[in-house]
C-alpha atoms as a PDB file:
ATOM      1  CA  MET A   1      33.475  80.871  75.612  1.00  0.00           C
ATOM      2  CA  GLU A   2      36.800  79.326  74.697  1.00  0.00           C
ATOM      3  CA  ALA A   3      38.040  82.661  73.378  1.00  0.00           C
ATOM      4  CA  PHE A   4      37.135  84.279  76.694  1.00  0.00           C
ATOM      5  CA  ASN A   5      39.078  81.613  78.611  1.00  0.00           C
ATOM      6  CA  GLU A   6      42.120  82.159  76.381  1.00  0.00           C
ATOM      7  CA  PHE A   7      41.820  85.916  76.920  1.00  0.00           C
ATOM      8  CA  THR A   8      41.600  85.402  80.702  1.00  0.00           C
ATOM      9  CA  VAL A   9      44.655  83.152  80.703  1.00  0.00           C
ATOM     10  CA  SER A  10      46.685  85.615  78.622  1.00  0.00           C
ATOM     11  CA  MET A  11      45.652  88.511  80.893  1.00  0.00           C
ATOM     12  CA  GLU A  12      46.647  86.530  83.986  1.00  0.00           C
ATOM     13  CA  ASP A  13      50.041  85.863  82.388  1.00  0.00           C
ATOM     14  CA  ARG A  14      50.459  89.573  81.656  1.00  0.00           C
ATOM     15  CA  ILE A  15      49.512  90.470  85.212  1.00  0.00           C
ATOM     16  CA  ARG A  16      52.075  87.986  86.582  1.00  0.00           C
ATOM     17  CA  ALA A  17      54.703  89.358  84.227  1.00  0.00           C
ATOM     18  CA  PHE A  18      53.843  92.908  85.256  1.00  0.00           C
ATOM     19  CA  CYS A  19      54.061  91.973  88.937  1.00  0.00           C
ATOM     20  CA  ASN A  20      57.435  90.340  88.338  1.00  0.00           C
ATOM     21  CA  GLU A  21      58.653  93.425  86.457  1.00  0.00           C
ATOM     22  CA  SER A  22      57.341  95.591  89.274  1.00  0.00           C
ATOM     23  CA  GLU A  23      59.214  93.494  91.826  1.00  0.00           C
ATOM     24  CA  VAL A  24      62.362  93.733  89.720  1.00  0.00           C
ATOM     25  CA  GLU A  25      62.002  97.520  89.594  1.00  0.00           C
ATOM     26  CA  LYS A  26      61.483  97.612  93.358  1.00  0.00           C
ATOM     27  CA  GLY A  27      64.616  95.502  93.766  1.00  0.00           C
ATOM     28  CA  LYS A  28      66.594  97.830  91.479  1.00  0.00           C
ATOM     29  CA  THR A  29      65.409 100.827  93.467  1.00  0.00           C
ATOM     30  CA  GLU A  30      66.426  99.148  96.716  1.00  0.00           C
ATOM     31  CA  VAL A  31      69.871  98.316  95.308  1.00  0.00           C
ATOM     32  CA  ARG A  32      70.346 101.933  94.189  1.00  0.00           C
ATOM     33  CA  ARG A  33      69.317 103.215  97.616  1.00  0.00           C
ATOM     34  CA  LEU A  34      71.660 100.831  99.434  1.00  0.00           C
ATOM     35  CA  THR A  35      74.498 101.647  97.039  1.00  0.00           C
ATOM     36  CA  GLU A  36      74.088 105.349  97.766  1.00  0.00           C
ATOM     37  CA  GLU A  37      73.993 104.701 101.523  1.00  0.00           C
ATOM     38  CA  LEU A  38      77.205 102.690 101.234  1.00  0.00           C
ATOM     39  CA  ARG A  39      78.886 105.441  99.218  1.00  0.00           C
ATOM     40  CA  VAL A  40      77.928 108.051 101.814  1.00  0.00           C
ATOM     41  CA  ALA A  41      79.110 105.831 104.672  1.00  0.00           C
ATOM     42  CA  LYS A  42      82.442 105.224 102.925  1.00  0.00           C
ATOM     43  CA  GLU A  43      82.898 108.959 102.352  1.00  0.00           C
ATOM     44  CA  GLU A  44      82.133 109.726 106.005  1.00  0.00           C
ATOM     45  CA  THR A  45      84.586 107.031 107.093  1.00  0.00           C
ATOM     46  CA  ARG A  46      87.268 108.438 104.790  1.00  0.00           C
ATOM     47  CA  LYS A  47      86.679 111.929 106.203  1.00  0.00           C
ATOM     48  CA  LYS A  48      86.830 110.736 109.825  1.00  0.00           C
ATOM     49  CA  MET A  49      89.959 108.728 109.072  1.00  0.00           C
ATOM     50  CA  GLY A  50      91.616 111.871 107.720  1.00  0.00           C
ATOM     51  CA  GLU A  51      90.651 113.803 110.843  1.00  0.00           C
ATOM     52  CA  ALA A  52      91.991 111.002 113.036  1.00  0.00           C
ATOM     53  CA  MET A  53      95.300 111.007 111.166  1.00  0.00           C
ATOM     54  CA  LEU A  54      95.617 114.778 111.638  1.00  0.00           C
ATOM     55  CA  LEU A  55      94.930 114.423 115.357  1.00  0.00           C
ATOM     56  CA  LYS A  56      97.471 111.599 115.610  1.00  0.00           C
ATOM     57  CA  ASP A  57     100.108 113.708 113.859  1.00  0.00           C
ATOM     58  CA  GLU A  58      99.360 116.661 116.140  1.00  0.00           C
ATOM     59  CA  TRP A  59      99.585 114.429 119.225  1.00  0.00           C
ATOM     60  CA  GLN A  60     102.943 113.000 118.084  1.00  0.00           C
ATOM     61  CA  ARG A  61     104.301 116.506 117.420  1.00  0.00           C
ATOM     62  CA  ALA A  62     103.173 117.702 120.861  1.00  0.00           C
ATOM     63  CA  ARG A  63     104.734 114.616 122.453  1.00  0.00           C
ATOM     64  CA  ARG A  64     108.068 115.250 120.722  1.00  0.00           C
ATOM     65  CA  GLU A  65     107.979 118.899 121.810  1.00  0.00           C
ATOM     66  CA  ARG A  66     107.227 117.882 125.396  1.00  0.00           C
ATOM     67  CA  VAL A  67     110.109 115.407 125.478  1.00  0.00           C
ATOM     68  CA  ALA A  68     112.473 118.015 124.028  1.00  0.00           C
ATOM     69  CA  PHE A  69     111.290 120.587 126.569  1.00  0.00           C
ATOM     70  CA  GLU A  70     111.622 118.162 129.490  1.00  0.00           C
ATOM     71  CA  THR A  71     115.104 117.175 128.335  1.00  0.00           C
ATOM     72  CA  LYS A  72     116.127 120.815 128.106  1.00  0.00           C
ATOM     73  CA  VAL A  73     114.647 121.688 131.502  1.00  0.00           C
ATOM     74  CA  ASP A  74     116.152 118.599 133.135  1.00  0.00           C
ATOM     75  CA  GLY A  75     119.557 119.395 131.637  1.00  0.00           C
ATOM     76  CA  GLU A  76     119.448 123.015 132.750  1.00  0.00           C
ATOM     77  CA  GLY A  77     118.166 122.044 136.166  1.00  0.00           C
ATOM     78  CA  LEU A  78     120.985 119.540 136.684  1.00  0.00           C
ATOM     79  CA  ARG A  79     123.603 122.070 135.587  1.00  0.00           C
ATOM     80  CA  SER A  80     122.229 124.663 137.995  1.00  0.00           C
ATOM     81  CA  TYR A  81     122.067 122.100 140.758  1.00  0.00           C
ATOM     82  CA  CYS A  82     125.684 121.050 140.152  1.00  0.00           C
ATOM     83  CA  GLN A  83     126.859 124.651 140.034  1.00  0.00           C
ATOM     84  CA  LEU A  84     125.559 125.014 143.552  1.00  0.00           C
ATOM     85  CA  GLY A  85     127.879 122.173 144.603  1.00  0.00           C
ATOM     86  CA  ARG A  86     125.218 119.582 145.291  1.00  0.00           C
ATOM     87  CA  CYS A  87     126.097 117.077 142.556  1.00  0.00           C
ATOM     88  CA  SER A  88     128.531 114.840 144.430  1.00  0.00           C
ATOM     89  CA  GLY A  89     129.779 112.723 141.582  1.00  0.00           C
ATOM     90  CA  LEU A  90     127.103 113.532 139.047  1.00  0.00           C
ATOM     91  CA  VAL A  91     127.772 115.168 135.694  1.00  0.00           C
ATOM     92  CA  GLY A  92     129.258 118.635 136.079  1.00  0.00           C
ATOM     93  CA  GLY A  93     131.304 117.858 139.173  1.00  0.00           C
ATOM     94  CA  GLY A  94     130.918 120.054 142.179  1.00  0.00           C
ATOM     95  CA  SER A  95     132.142 119.591 145.676  1.00  0.00           C
ATOM     96  CA  ARG A  96     130.799 117.101 148.161  1.00  0.00           C
ATOM     97  CA  SER A  97     128.742 118.455 150.928  1.00  0.00           C
ATOM     98  CA  SER A  98     129.975 117.751 154.448  1.00  0.00           C
ATOM     99  CA  SER A  99     126.502 117.229 155.784  1.00  0.00           C
ATOM    100  CA  SER A 100     125.232 113.695 155.971  1.00  0.00           C
ATOM    101  CA  PHE A 101     121.698 112.462 155.905  1.00  0.00           C
END
């Protein structure tokens, strides 16, 4: 009977050890899964950040082009306006109009 009790105790210890090992393996699997999810999320973030930087660069280029275009149009418009004699003291000279507002 004593041998049976010893056998039972040793089997219970093995079962506990196996359960602990099983829990450790489950924990390792969970860590691997979470690590992979984190890697994928970081890669997606890196990709989106690159796209955002490209869009920002494109927006800045378009803004610079718009400013250059507006400056050119404003300059040409002012010159044309002054050539018609409506500048009255502005850049480009021109004669004063006799009409008053």
